[in-house]
Amino acid sequence: MRMIRFLLWLLGGVVLGGIIHIVVILTLPALAEQSVWSRVADLDADNRMVILPRVVAGEPNPLGLDPALAYGLCRVDLGNGPAYVSGVLPEAFWSVALFNPSGIVTYSTTNRDGIGKTLELGIFNAAQTRLLAQQQLDIAEGLLVVESTSDQLLILVRLAPPHQAMRHRFEQELSEVECGTRGSAPTSP
């Protein structure tokens, strides 16, 4: 009888220890003082595309970026209205990803998905999507519509220049991409 009681207490301790361990592991990222979200807060990327500085091999790389790619970053708040990303990107591989404040990618696409050079993306929260479905928001034809569960988003555009000599031109084209929230979408591209 004592042995069974001891084994039950031991099993209970192991289960309780496992639960505590899992809770701690899952809450640690939320308690981090230096998250990606806080690191980009200093970049002044609200409703505009900011070109991230080039990463040099061997130097500090706090965002963990690939030195071969050019990066553009924009931060939007869908509470201020739908967000739009619009521009023409170079004839090379590019991708766009939406990150929520927890650093989770909520949407991602590349030019290899049949989009081509033109990036026309509309980002809506659930309430704005309902207005869109009720045809109370006008959007441009061909706009790629994305619904987000989070109002606060980082929009990251990555370009892969085929040669480093082309990097400056790629960054210039990336800086011309329009990004931000608007009360309503433009009716023509």
N, C-alpha and C. Protein backbone atom coordinates (compact mmCIF):
# COMPACT_ATOMS: atom_id res chain seq x y z
N MET A 1 0.82 -1.18 0.00
CA MET A 1 0.00 0.00 0.00
C MET A 1 0.87 1.27 0.00
N ARG A 2 1.94 1.24 0.83
CA ARG A 2 2.84 2.39 0.88
C ARG A 2 3.55 2.58 -0.45
N MET A 3 3.88 1.48 -1.08
CA MET A 3 4.58 1.55 -2.37
C MET A 3 3.67 2.17 -3.43
N ILE A 4 2.40 1.81 -3.44
CA ILE A 4 1.46 2.37 -4.42
C ILE A 4 1.30 3.87 -4.17
N ARG A 5 1.17 4.26 -2.90
CA ARG A 5 1.02 5.67 -2.57
C ARG A 5 2.28 6.44 -3.00
N PHE A 6 3.44 5.87 -2.75
CA PHE A 6 4.69 6.50 -3.16
C PHE A 6 4.75 6.67 -4.68
N LEU A 7 4.37 5.63 -5.43
CA LEU A 7 4.39 5.70 -6.89
C LEU A 7 3.38 6.73 -7.40
N LEU A 8 2.21 6.84 -6.76
CA LEU A 8 1.23 7.85 -7.16
C LEU A 8 1.78 9.26 -6.92
N TRP A 9 2.43 9.49 -5.75
CA TRP A 9 3.02 10.79 -5.47
C TRP A 9 4.15 11.09 -6.47
N LEU A 10 4.93 10.09 -6.80
CA LEU A 10 6.01 10.25 -7.76
C LEU A 10 5.45 10.59 -9.14
N LEU A 11 4.43 9.86 -9.57
CA LEU A 11 3.79 10.12 -10.86
C LEU A 11 3.17 11.53 -10.88
N GLY A 12 2.49 11.90 -9.79
CA GLY A 12 1.91 13.24 -9.70
C GLY A 12 2.98 14.32 -9.77
N GLY A 13 4.11 14.12 -9.12
CA GLY A 13 5.21 15.07 -9.17
C GLY A 13 5.79 15.21 -10.56
N VAL A 14 5.93 14.08 -11.26
CA VAL A 14 6.45 14.12 -12.63
C VAL A 14 5.47 14.85 -13.55
N VAL A 15 4.19 14.55 -13.43
CA VAL A 15 3.18 15.21 -14.27
C VAL A 15 3.15 16.71 -13.98
N LEU A 16 3.12 17.08 -12.70
CA LEU A 16 3.11 18.49 -12.33
C LEU A 16 4.39 19.19 -12.81
N GLY A 17 5.52 18.55 -12.67
CA GLY A 17 6.78 19.10 -13.16
C GLY A 17 6.76 19.29 -14.67
N GLY A 18 6.18 18.33 -15.38
CA GLY A 18 6.07 18.44 -16.84
C GLY A 18 5.18 19.60 -17.25
N ILE A 19 4.07 19.77 -16.55
CA ILE A 19 3.16 20.87 -16.85
C ILE A 19 3.85 22.21 -16.60
N ILE A 20 4.52 22.34 -15.48
CA ILE A 20 5.24 23.58 -15.17
C ILE A 20 6.31 23.84 -16.22
N HIS A 21 7.02 22.82 -16.60
CA HIS A 21 8.07 22.95 -17.62
C HIS A 21 7.48 23.46 -18.94
N ILE A 22 6.40 22.89 -19.39
CA ILE A 22 5.77 23.29 -20.65
C ILE A 22 5.27 24.73 -20.57
N VAL A 23 4.64 25.10 -19.46
CA VAL A 23 4.14 26.48 -19.30
C VAL A 23 5.30 27.48 -19.35
N VAL A 24 6.38 27.18 -18.69
CA VAL A 24 7.54 28.08 -18.70
C VAL A 24 8.11 28.21 -20.10
N ILE A 25 8.26 27.11 -20.79
CA ILE A 25 8.81 27.13 -22.16
C ILE A 25 7.91 27.94 -23.09
N LEU A 26 6.60 27.82 -22.96
CA LEU A 26 5.68 28.53 -23.84
C LEU A 26 5.55 30.01 -23.51
N THR A 27 5.81 30.40 -22.27
CA THR A 27 5.67 31.82 -21.90
C THR A 27 6.97 32.61 -22.03
N LEU A 28 8.10 31.96 -22.11
CA LEU A 28 9.38 32.68 -22.22
C LEU A 28 9.45 33.63 -23.41
N PRO A 29 9.03 33.23 -24.62
CA PRO A 29 9.11 34.19 -25.74
C PRO A 29 8.30 35.47 -25.49
N ALA A 30 7.17 35.36 -24.81
CA ALA A 30 6.35 36.54 -24.54
C ALA A 30 7.02 37.46 -23.53
N LEU A 31 7.90 36.94 -22.71
CA LEU A 31 8.57 37.73 -21.69
C LEU A 31 9.89 38.34 -22.17
N ALA A 32 10.30 38.00 -23.38
CA ALA A 32 11.57 38.49 -23.90
C ALA A 32 11.51 40.00 -24.09
N GLU A 33 12.53 40.69 -23.60
CA GLU A 33 12.58 42.14 -23.73
C GLU A 33 13.01 42.56 -25.13
N GLN A 34 13.82 41.79 -25.79
CA GLN A 34 14.32 42.12 -27.11
C GLN A 34 13.72 41.21 -28.17
N SER A 35 12.46 41.38 -28.44
CA SER A 35 11.81 40.61 -29.50
C SER A 35 12.06 41.31 -30.84
N VAL A 36 11.77 40.63 -31.92
CA VAL A 36 11.91 41.24 -33.25
C VAL A 36 11.02 42.47 -33.33
N TRP A 37 9.83 42.38 -32.76
CA TRP A 37 8.88 43.50 -32.79
C TRP A 37 9.49 44.73 -32.12
N SER A 38 10.13 44.56 -30.98
CA SER A 38 10.72 45.70 -30.29
C SER A 38 11.97 46.20 -31.01
N ARG A 39 12.69 45.33 -31.67
CA ARG A 39 13.90 45.75 -32.40
C ARG A 39 13.56 46.61 -33.60
N VAL A 40 12.45 46.32 -34.28
CA VAL A 40 12.10 47.11 -35.45
C VAL A 40 11.30 48.36 -35.09
N ALA A 41 10.91 48.50 -33.83
CA ALA A 41 10.16 49.69 -33.41
C ALA A 41 10.99 50.96 -33.62
N ASP A 42 12.30 50.85 -33.54
CA ASP A 42 13.17 52.01 -33.71
C ASP A 42 13.41 52.38 -35.17
N LEU A 43 12.91 51.60 -36.10
CA LEU A 43 13.21 51.83 -37.52
C LEU A 43 12.29 52.85 -38.20
N ASP A 44 11.25 53.32 -37.52
CA ASP A 44 10.30 54.26 -38.10
C ASP A 44 9.71 53.71 -39.40
N ALA A 45 9.19 52.50 -39.33
CA ALA A 45 8.65 51.83 -40.51
C ALA A 45 7.12 51.86 -40.54
N ASP A 46 6.49 52.75 -39.75
CA ASP A 46 5.04 52.83 -39.74
C ASP A 46 4.52 53.35 -41.08
N ASN A 47 3.74 52.53 -41.76
CA ASN A 47 3.07 52.88 -43.02
C ASN A 47 4.03 53.35 -44.11
N ARG A 48 5.23 52.83 -44.10
CA ARG A 48 6.17 53.12 -45.18
C ARG A 48 7.21 52.02 -45.24
N MET A 49 7.73 51.80 -46.43
CA MET A 49 8.74 50.77 -46.65
C MET A 49 10.11 51.33 -46.27
N VAL A 50 10.77 50.63 -45.35
CA VAL A 50 12.11 51.00 -44.92
C VAL A 50 13.07 49.91 -45.38
N ILE A 51 14.15 50.30 -46.02
CA ILE A 51 15.15 49.34 -46.47
C ILE A 51 16.08 49.06 -45.29
N LEU A 52 16.19 47.79 -44.93
CA LEU A 52 17.06 47.41 -43.81
C LEU A 52 18.52 47.48 -44.25
N PRO A 53 19.39 47.91 -43.35
CA PRO A 53 20.82 47.99 -43.71
C PRO A 53 21.37 46.62 -44.12
N ARG A 54 22.30 46.67 -45.04
CA ARG A 54 22.91 45.44 -45.53
C ARG A 54 23.64 44.73 -44.39
N VAL A 55 23.47 43.43 -44.35
CA VAL A 55 24.15 42.61 -43.35
C VAL A 55 25.51 42.20 -43.91
N VAL A 56 26.55 42.43 -43.12
CA VAL A 56 27.90 42.06 -43.53
C VAL A 56 28.32 40.85 -42.71
N ALA A 57 28.85 39.85 -43.42
CA ALA A 57 29.29 38.63 -42.74
C ALA A 57 30.33 38.96 -41.68
N GLY A 58 30.17 38.38 -40.50
CA GLY A 58 31.11 38.58 -39.41
C GLY A 58 30.75 39.74 -38.50
N GLU A 59 29.78 40.57 -38.89
CA GLU A 59 29.34 41.69 -38.05
C GLU A 59 28.04 41.30 -37.34
N PRO A 60 27.67 42.05 -36.29
CA PRO A 60 26.43 41.72 -35.58
C PRO A 60 25.22 41.70 -36.51
N ASN A 61 24.37 40.71 -36.30
CA ASN A 61 23.18 40.52 -37.14
C ASN A 61 22.00 40.22 -36.20
N PRO A 62 21.50 41.24 -35.46
CA PRO A 62 20.50 40.99 -34.43
C PRO A 62 19.18 40.44 -34.96
N LEU A 63 18.85 40.70 -36.22
CA LEU A 63 17.60 40.19 -36.77
C LEU A 63 17.76 38.84 -37.47
N GLY A 64 18.98 38.35 -37.56
CA GLY A 64 19.22 37.05 -38.17
C GLY A 64 18.94 37.04 -39.66
N LEU A 65 19.35 38.09 -40.37
CA LEU A 65 19.07 38.22 -41.79
C LEU A 65 20.13 37.54 -42.65
N ASP A 66 19.71 37.13 -43.84
CA ASP A 66 20.61 36.51 -44.80
C ASP A 66 21.37 37.61 -45.54
N PRO A 67 22.71 37.61 -45.52
CA PRO A 67 23.48 38.68 -46.17
C PRO A 67 23.28 38.76 -47.69
N ALA A 68 22.81 37.69 -48.31
CA ALA A 68 22.64 37.69 -49.76
C ALA A 68 21.36 38.40 -50.21
N LEU A 69 20.43 38.67 -49.29
CA LEU A 69 19.13 39.24 -49.65
C LEU A 69 19.05 40.72 -49.29
N ALA A 70 18.19 41.43 -50.01
CA ALA A 70 17.84 42.81 -49.68
C ALA A 70 16.47 42.77 -49.02
N TYR A 71 16.29 43.56 -47.95
CA TYR A 71 15.07 43.50 -47.16
C TYR A 71 14.40 44.86 -47.08
N GLY A 72 13.08 44.86 -47.21
CA GLY A 72 12.26 46.04 -46.97
C GLY A 72 11.23 45.68 -45.92
N LEU A 73 10.99 46.60 -44.98
CA LEU A 73 10.10 46.33 -43.86
C LEU A 73 9.11 47.47 -43.70
N CYS A 74 7.86 47.11 -43.42
CA CYS A 74 6.80 48.09 -43.19
C CYS A 74 5.95 47.58 -42.04
N ARG A 75 5.56 48.49 -41.14
CA ARG A 75 4.70 48.12 -40.02
C ARG A 75 3.36 48.81 -40.20
N VAL A 76 2.27 48.04 -40.04
CA VAL A 76 0.92 48.58 -40.21
C VAL A 76 0.05 48.20 -39.03
N ASP A 77 -1.01 48.98 -38.85
CA ASP A 77 -2.02 48.71 -37.84
C ASP A 77 -3.37 48.71 -38.54
N LEU A 78 -3.98 47.53 -38.68
CA LEU A 78 -5.25 47.42 -39.38
C LEU A 78 -6.39 48.09 -38.62
N GLY A 79 -6.16 48.48 -37.38
CA GLY A 79 -7.15 49.25 -36.64
C GLY A 79 -7.37 50.62 -37.26
N ASN A 80 -6.40 51.09 -38.06
CA ASN A 80 -6.51 52.37 -38.75
C ASN A 80 -7.10 52.24 -40.14
N GLY A 81 -7.41 51.03 -40.56
CA GLY A 81 -7.96 50.77 -41.89
C GLY A 81 -7.20 49.65 -42.56
N PRO A 82 -7.71 49.20 -43.71
CA PRO A 82 -7.01 48.14 -44.45
C PRO A 82 -5.62 48.60 -44.87
N ALA A 83 -4.72 47.65 -44.99
CA ALA A 83 -3.35 47.95 -45.41
C ALA A 83 -3.15 47.47 -46.85
N TYR A 84 -2.33 48.21 -47.57
CA TYR A 84 -2.05 47.87 -48.96
C TYR A 84 -0.55 47.92 -49.20
N VAL A 85 -0.08 46.97 -50.00
CA VAL A 85 1.32 46.94 -50.44
C VAL A 85 1.26 46.92 -51.95
N SER A 86 1.90 47.89 -52.58
CA SER A 86 1.79 48.02 -54.02
C SER A 86 3.13 48.44 -54.61
N GLY A 87 3.55 47.74 -55.65
CA GLY A 87 4.79 48.11 -56.32
C GLY A 87 5.18 47.11 -57.37
N VAL A 88 6.17 47.49 -58.14
CA VAL A 88 6.74 46.64 -59.17
C VAL A 88 8.14 46.26 -58.71
N LEU A 89 8.39 44.97 -58.63
CA LEU A 89 9.67 44.47 -58.15
C LEU A 89 10.49 43.93 -59.31
N PRO A 90 11.80 43.81 -59.15
CA PRO A 90 12.68 43.36 -60.23
C PRO A 90 12.38 41.92 -60.68
N GLU A 91 12.91 41.59 -61.85
CA GLU A 91 12.80 40.24 -62.41
C GLU A 91 13.79 39.32 -61.72
N ALA A 92 13.51 38.99 -60.50
CA ALA A 92 14.34 38.06 -59.72
C ALA A 92 13.44 37.51 -58.63
N PHE A 93 13.95 36.55 -57.89
CA PHE A 93 13.14 35.98 -56.82
C PHE A 93 12.85 37.02 -55.75
N TRP A 94 11.59 37.12 -55.33
CA TRP A 94 11.21 37.94 -54.19
C TRP A 94 10.10 37.23 -53.43
N SER A 95 9.97 37.60 -52.17
CA SER A 95 8.89 37.06 -51.35
C SER A 95 8.39 38.15 -50.42
N VAL A 96 7.17 37.97 -49.96
CA VAL A 96 6.57 38.88 -48.99
C VAL A 96 5.96 38.03 -47.88
N ALA A 97 6.13 38.47 -46.63
CA ALA A 97 5.60 37.74 -45.49
C ALA A 97 5.01 38.72 -44.49
N LEU A 98 3.92 38.31 -43.85
CA LEU A 98 3.28 39.10 -42.81
C LEU A 98 3.56 38.43 -41.47
N PHE A 99 4.06 39.22 -40.52
CA PHE A 99 4.37 38.72 -39.18
C PHE A 99 3.48 39.42 -38.16
N ASN A 100 2.95 38.66 -37.20
CA ASN A 100 2.20 39.27 -36.11
C ASN A 100 3.19 39.67 -35.00
N PRO A 101 2.73 40.37 -33.95
CA PRO A 101 3.67 40.80 -32.89
C PRO A 101 4.41 39.67 -32.19
N SER A 102 3.88 38.44 -32.25
CA SER A 102 4.57 37.30 -31.64
C SER A 102 5.67 36.75 -32.53
N GLY A 103 5.81 37.29 -33.73
CA GLY A 103 6.84 36.83 -34.65
C GLY A 103 6.40 35.65 -35.51
N ILE A 104 5.12 35.35 -35.51
CA ILE A 104 4.59 34.23 -36.28
C ILE A 104 4.19 34.72 -37.67
N VAL A 105 4.61 34.00 -38.70
CA VAL A 105 4.23 34.34 -40.07
C VAL A 105 2.77 33.96 -40.26
N THR A 106 1.94 34.96 -40.59
CA THR A 106 0.51 34.70 -40.79
C THR A 106 0.16 34.55 -42.26
N TYR A 107 1.03 35.02 -43.15
CA TYR A 107 0.82 34.86 -44.59
C TYR A 107 2.16 35.05 -45.28
N SER A 108 2.35 34.32 -46.36
CA SER A 108 3.57 34.46 -47.14
C SER A 108 3.31 34.06 -48.58
N THR A 109 3.95 34.73 -49.51
CA THR A 109 3.86 34.37 -50.92
C THR A 109 5.15 34.80 -51.61
N THR A 110 5.35 34.28 -52.82
CA THR A 110 6.52 34.63 -53.62
C THR A 110 6.07 34.97 -55.03
N ASN A 111 6.99 35.52 -55.81
CA ASN A 111 6.68 35.80 -57.21
C ASN A 111 6.55 34.51 -58.01
N ARG A 112 6.98 33.41 -57.46
CA ARG A 112 6.85 32.12 -58.15
C ARG A 112 5.46 31.52 -58.02
N ASP A 113 4.58 32.21 -57.29
CA ASP A 113 3.19 31.78 -57.18
C ASP A 113 2.34 32.30 -58.34
N GLY A 114 3.00 32.80 -59.38
CA GLY A 114 2.28 33.30 -60.56
C GLY A 114 1.97 34.78 -60.47
N ILE A 115 2.52 35.48 -59.52
CA ILE A 115 2.25 36.90 -59.35
C ILE A 115 3.04 37.73 -60.35
N GLY A 116 4.26 37.31 -60.67
CA GLY A 116 5.11 38.05 -61.59
C GLY A 116 5.85 39.16 -60.90
N LYS A 117 6.00 40.31 -61.59
CA LYS A 117 6.75 41.44 -61.05
C LYS A 117 5.91 42.37 -60.19
N THR A 118 4.60 42.36 -60.40
CA THR A 118 3.74 43.32 -59.73
C THR A 118 3.21 42.76 -58.41
N LEU A 119 3.44 43.52 -57.36
CA LEU A 119 2.95 43.15 -56.04
C LEU A 119 1.78 44.06 -55.71
N GLU A 120 0.59 43.50 -55.63
CA GLU A 120 -0.62 44.23 -55.24
C GLU A 120 -1.30 43.41 -54.16
N LEU A 121 -1.12 43.81 -52.91
CA LEU A 121 -1.60 43.05 -51.78
C LEU A 121 -2.48 43.93 -50.91
N GLY A 122 -3.66 43.44 -50.57
CA GLY A 122 -4.56 44.12 -49.64
C GLY A 122 -4.71 43.27 -48.40
N ILE A 123 -4.51 43.87 -47.23
CA ILE A 123 -4.55 43.13 -45.97
C ILE A 123 -5.70 43.68 -45.13
N PHE A 124 -6.59 42.80 -44.71
CA PHE A 124 -7.80 43.20 -44.01
C PHE A 124 -7.96 42.40 -42.73
N ASN A 125 -8.54 43.01 -41.69
CA ASN A 125 -8.90 42.23 -40.51
C ASN A 125 -10.30 41.64 -40.74
N ALA A 126 -10.84 40.90 -39.78
CA ALA A 126 -12.11 40.20 -39.98
C ALA A 126 -13.26 41.17 -40.28
N ALA A 127 -13.33 42.28 -39.55
CA ALA A 127 -14.41 43.24 -39.77
C ALA A 127 -14.31 43.87 -41.16
N GLN A 128 -13.09 44.18 -41.60
CA GLN A 128 -12.91 44.77 -42.93
C GLN A 128 -13.20 43.75 -44.02
N THR A 129 -12.91 42.49 -43.76
CA THR A 129 -13.22 41.43 -44.73
C THR A 129 -14.73 41.31 -44.90
N ARG A 130 -15.49 41.45 -43.80
CA ARG A 130 -16.95 41.42 -43.91
C ARG A 130 -17.44 42.59 -44.77
N LEU A 131 -16.88 43.78 -44.56
CA LEU A 131 -17.25 44.93 -45.38
C LEU A 131 -16.89 44.69 -46.85
N LEU A 132 -15.78 44.04 -47.07
CA LEU A 132 -15.37 43.70 -48.42
C LEU A 132 -16.35 42.73 -49.06
N ALA A 133 -16.78 41.72 -48.29
CA ALA A 133 -17.74 40.73 -48.80
C ALA A 133 -19.09 41.38 -49.09
N GLN A 134 -19.44 42.41 -48.33
CA GLN A 134 -20.70 43.13 -48.54
C GLN A 134 -20.55 44.22 -49.59
N GLN A 135 -19.40 44.28 -50.21
CA GLN A 135 -19.06 45.24 -51.26
C GLN A 135 -19.17 46.68 -50.77
N GLN A 136 -18.78 46.91 -49.51
CA GLN A 136 -18.77 48.25 -48.96
C GLN A 136 -17.38 48.88 -49.02
N LEU A 137 -16.41 48.12 -49.46
CA LEU A 137 -15.06 48.62 -49.71
C LEU A 137 -14.74 48.39 -51.17
N ASP A 138 -14.22 49.42 -51.82
CA ASP A 138 -13.81 49.28 -53.22
C ASP A 138 -12.34 48.91 -53.25
N ILE A 139 -12.03 47.91 -54.06
CA ILE A 139 -10.63 47.50 -54.22
C ILE A 139 -10.31 47.40 -55.70
N ALA A 140 -9.04 47.51 -56.00
CA ALA A 140 -8.58 47.41 -57.37
C ALA A 140 -8.70 45.97 -57.87
N GLU A 141 -9.01 45.82 -59.13
CA GLU A 141 -9.09 44.49 -59.72
C GLU A 141 -7.70 43.86 -59.72
N GLY A 142 -7.63 42.59 -59.38
CA GLY A 142 -6.37 41.87 -59.34
C GLY A 142 -5.65 41.97 -58.01
N LEU A 143 -6.26 42.66 -57.04
CA LEU A 143 -5.65 42.79 -55.73
C LEU A 143 -5.70 41.45 -55.01
N LEU A 144 -4.56 41.02 -54.48
CA LEU A 144 -4.49 39.79 -53.70
C LEU A 144 -4.98 40.13 -52.30
N VAL A 145 -6.10 39.54 -51.89
CA VAL A 145 -6.74 39.86 -50.61
C VAL A 145 -6.30 38.86 -49.56
N VAL A 146 -5.83 39.38 -48.42
CA VAL A 146 -5.37 38.55 -47.31
C VAL A 146 -6.10 38.99 -46.06
N GLU A 147 -6.65 38.02 -45.30
CA GLU A 147 -7.28 38.35 -44.02
C GLU A 147 -6.31 38.02 -42.90
N SER A 148 -6.18 38.95 -41.98
CA SER A 148 -5.27 38.79 -40.85
C SER A 148 -6.06 38.70 -39.56
N THR A 149 -5.62 37.83 -38.66
CA THR A 149 -6.25 37.72 -37.35
C THR A 149 -5.69 38.75 -36.38
N SER A 150 -4.60 39.39 -36.75
CA SER A 150 -3.96 40.40 -35.90
C SER A 150 -4.02 41.76 -36.59
N ASP A 151 -4.29 42.81 -35.83
CA ASP A 151 -4.30 44.16 -36.40
C ASP A 151 -2.89 44.71 -36.58
N GLN A 152 -1.97 44.35 -35.71
CA GLN A 152 -0.60 44.83 -35.78
C GLN A 152 0.21 43.85 -36.62
N LEU A 153 0.84 44.34 -37.69
CA LEU A 153 1.59 43.45 -38.59
C LEU A 153 2.89 44.10 -39.03
N LEU A 154 3.89 43.26 -39.26
CA LEU A 154 5.11 43.63 -39.96
C LEU A 154 5.03 43.00 -41.34
N ILE A 155 5.29 43.78 -42.35
CA ILE A 155 5.31 43.28 -43.72
C ILE A 155 6.77 43.29 -44.17
N LEU A 156 7.29 42.11 -44.47
CA LEU A 156 8.69 41.96 -44.86
C LEU A 156 8.76 41.52 -46.31
N VAL A 157 9.46 42.31 -47.12
CA VAL A 157 9.68 41.96 -48.53
C VAL A 157 11.15 41.64 -48.68
N ARG A 158 11.43 40.48 -49.27
CA ARG A 158 12.81 40.03 -49.49
C ARG A 158 13.07 39.93 -50.98
N LEU A 159 14.19 40.48 -51.41
CA LEU A 159 14.63 40.39 -52.81
C LEU A 159 15.95 39.65 -52.86
N ALA A 160 16.11 38.83 -53.89
CA ALA A 160 17.36 38.09 -54.06
C ALA A 160 18.05 38.57 -55.34
N PRO A 161 18.93 39.57 -55.22
CA PRO A 161 19.65 40.02 -56.41
C PRO A 161 20.55 38.91 -56.94
N PRO A 162 20.53 38.67 -58.26
CA PRO A 162 21.37 37.60 -58.81
C PRO A 162 22.86 37.86 -58.62
N HIS A 163 23.26 39.15 -58.55
CA HIS A 163 24.66 39.53 -58.35
C HIS A 163 24.67 40.70 -57.38
N GLN A 164 25.68 40.78 -56.53
CA GLN A 164 25.76 41.86 -55.55
C GLN A 164 25.90 43.23 -56.22
N ALA A 165 26.38 43.27 -57.47
CA ALA A 165 26.49 44.54 -58.19
C ALA A 165 25.11 45.13 -58.45
N MET A 166 24.07 44.31 -58.45
CA MET A 166 22.70 44.77 -58.71
C MET A 166 21.96 45.14 -57.43
N ARG A 167 22.57 44.93 -56.31
CA ARG A 167 21.90 45.14 -55.02
C ARG A 167 21.37 46.56 -54.84
N HIS A 168 22.16 47.55 -55.17
CA HIS A 168 21.72 48.94 -54.99
C HIS A 168 20.47 49.23 -55.82
N ARG A 169 20.45 48.78 -57.08
CA ARG A 169 19.26 48.99 -57.93
C ARG A 169 18.06 48.26 -57.35
N PHE A 170 18.25 47.05 -56.83
CA PHE A 170 17.14 46.30 -56.23
C PHE A 170 16.61 47.02 -54.99
N GLU A 171 17.50 47.54 -54.16
CA GLU A 171 17.07 48.26 -52.97
C GLU A 171 16.33 49.54 -53.35
N GLN A 172 16.75 50.19 -54.43
CA GLN A 172 16.05 51.40 -54.91
C GLN A 172 14.63 51.06 -55.34
N GLU A 173 14.47 49.98 -56.10
CA GLU A 173 13.13 49.57 -56.53
C GLU A 173 12.28 49.16 -55.33
N LEU A 174 12.88 48.52 -54.36
CA LEU A 174 12.16 48.12 -53.16
C LEU A 174 11.71 49.33 -52.35
N SER A 175 12.52 50.38 -52.33
CA SER A 175 12.15 51.59 -51.58
C SER A 175 10.96 52.31 -52.20
N GLU A 176 10.66 52.04 -53.46
CA GLU A 176 9.53 52.67 -54.14
C GLU A 176 8.22 51.93 -53.93
N VAL A 177 8.26 50.80 -53.23
CA VAL A 177 7.03 50.05 -52.95
C VAL A 177 6.21 50.84 -51.93
N GLU A 178 4.94 51.04 -52.25
CA GLU A 178 4.05 51.75 -51.33
C GLU A 178 3.47 50.76 -50.33
N CYS A 179 3.42 51.17 -49.08
CA CYS A 179 2.94 50.30 -48.02
C CYS A 179 2.29 51.15 -46.95
N GLY A 180 1.12 50.75 -46.49
CA GLY A 180 0.48 51.47 -45.40
C GLY A 180 -1.01 51.24 -45.35
N THR A 181 -1.65 51.86 -44.37
CA THR A 181 -3.09 51.73 -44.21
C THR A 181 -3.78 52.92 -44.87
N ARG A 182 -4.96 52.64 -45.37
CA ARG A 182 -5.78 53.69 -46.00
C ARG A 182 -7.23 53.41 -45.62
N GLY A 183 -8.03 54.44 -45.64
CA GLY A 183 -9.46 54.28 -45.35
C GLY A 183 -10.15 53.40 -46.37
N SER A 184 -9.74 53.50 -47.63
CA SER A 184 -10.27 52.62 -48.67
C SER A 184 -9.20 52.42 -49.72
N ALA A 185 -9.32 51.35 -50.44
CA ALA A 185 -8.31 51.00 -51.44
C ALA A 185 -8.45 51.84 -52.68
N PRO A 186 -7.37 52.02 -53.40
CA PRO A 186 -7.47 52.69 -54.69
C PRO A 186 -8.26 51.83 -55.66
N THR A 187 -9.00 52.46 -56.56
CA THR A 187 -9.82 51.70 -57.50
C THR A 187 -9.08 51.32 -58.76
N SER A 188 -7.89 51.86 -58.96
CA SER A 188 -7.09 51.45 -60.11
C SER A 188 -5.65 51.32 -59.67
N PRO A 189 -4.92 50.34 -60.27
CA PRO A 189 -3.53 50.13 -59.84
C PRO A 189 -2.61 51.27 -60.20
